[in-house]
Amino acid sequence: MSHTEADLVQLLHTGPFHLALRTALAVRGLPLQRVQHHLAHRGVKVGVTSLSYWQQGARRPRRPESLKAVAALEEVLQLPGNSLLRLLSADAGGRAEVERPAARSYRSLVEASGTVERLLAELESPADGGLHTVGQIDRVRIGAARQLLGRDTQQVVRAHRDGVDRYVAVHHGDPGCDPSRVVVRAVENCRAGRVRWHAETGVLVAELLFDARLRAGDTHLFAYGFDDGTAGPSGEYVRGFTFAAGQYVLQVRFDEAALPVRCRRFAQASAGAPRGGRAELTLHGPHRTVHLAEQGVRPGLLGIDWDWA
């Protein structure tokens, strides 16, 4: 989202701290690496990851050396003295954040977790983006050549901190996927932002920008999709949940020219854990679909796999 000097003046008055910092960075046009360089010249050492977490609201500077860095940030960003420090003090006495659900790391859910984490870092996005899923429907399409054509997602999220204005979606293609050819579609109540990918693993991450900043407790309904079709035959679709979620529905639709002989749902506690919760799924002839529906999803993996003749 674009920011103006007027936005910055207002946020320096009203807060919260992380939104004021993020807006100051945007208005001054300074990337985090450049800010880190300026701070180092002032004898202040702070990592780019810490700066990213501060501007996203994932962490708050509390230690004496962190508060020293905030004071130096005011100088680097040409802000009034104590303007950011005052917001930190005010935020500490403000309203409590919505309870953050129990979470799992990408490392426990995704075999290519290191790639996902690096791509998120390129977008200056912490793993905890400040949102958790209330409800989600994934509709997966399998083509005549047995390939993953894509997925369409409708999702309801709830913010567990103030100021969240985007969601980062992850697409992990099947072996042979060319993520540079995957198309990101923003369908409803969002806009496509920056996209990053890693060719060797077939992983792509995409920003979906909201047109409003959510406050803690707010919900947001949006829809988006990925068009793929670049890999070989697909044998499963897996969805990972870093946070506990509400309801999740996964539907897989097959082309009439390529119907599997068997479909099953499964669950996994982590990427390396054995698959459990097996259940046979019946392929509905006229619609060529199978689905699973889960309430009270726990952190982990859910999916459907299938066998070809």
Foldseek 3Di string as FASTA:
>chain_A
DAAEPVNLVVCLVVDQLLCNLLRLCRHLVHQLVRLQVQVVVVVQHDDSLVNLCSNLVVDHDDDPSSVVSVQVSCVVSVHPGCSSVVNSVVVVPDDAFADFFQFAQLVFADVVRVQVCVVCVVVSADPCNQKAWAEKEKEWEAELQQATQKIKMKTKIFGRAWFRFKDKDKDFGDPQWALVPKDKFWDFQWDWDDKDDDGRRRMIITITGGPDIDHRGDMDITMIMIGTRRGHHDFKDKDFHRGWYFKYKYKYAYDPNFAFPWKWKWWAQGPPGDTDPIDTWDQDPVGRMTMDMDGRGHGGMIMMGTHGD
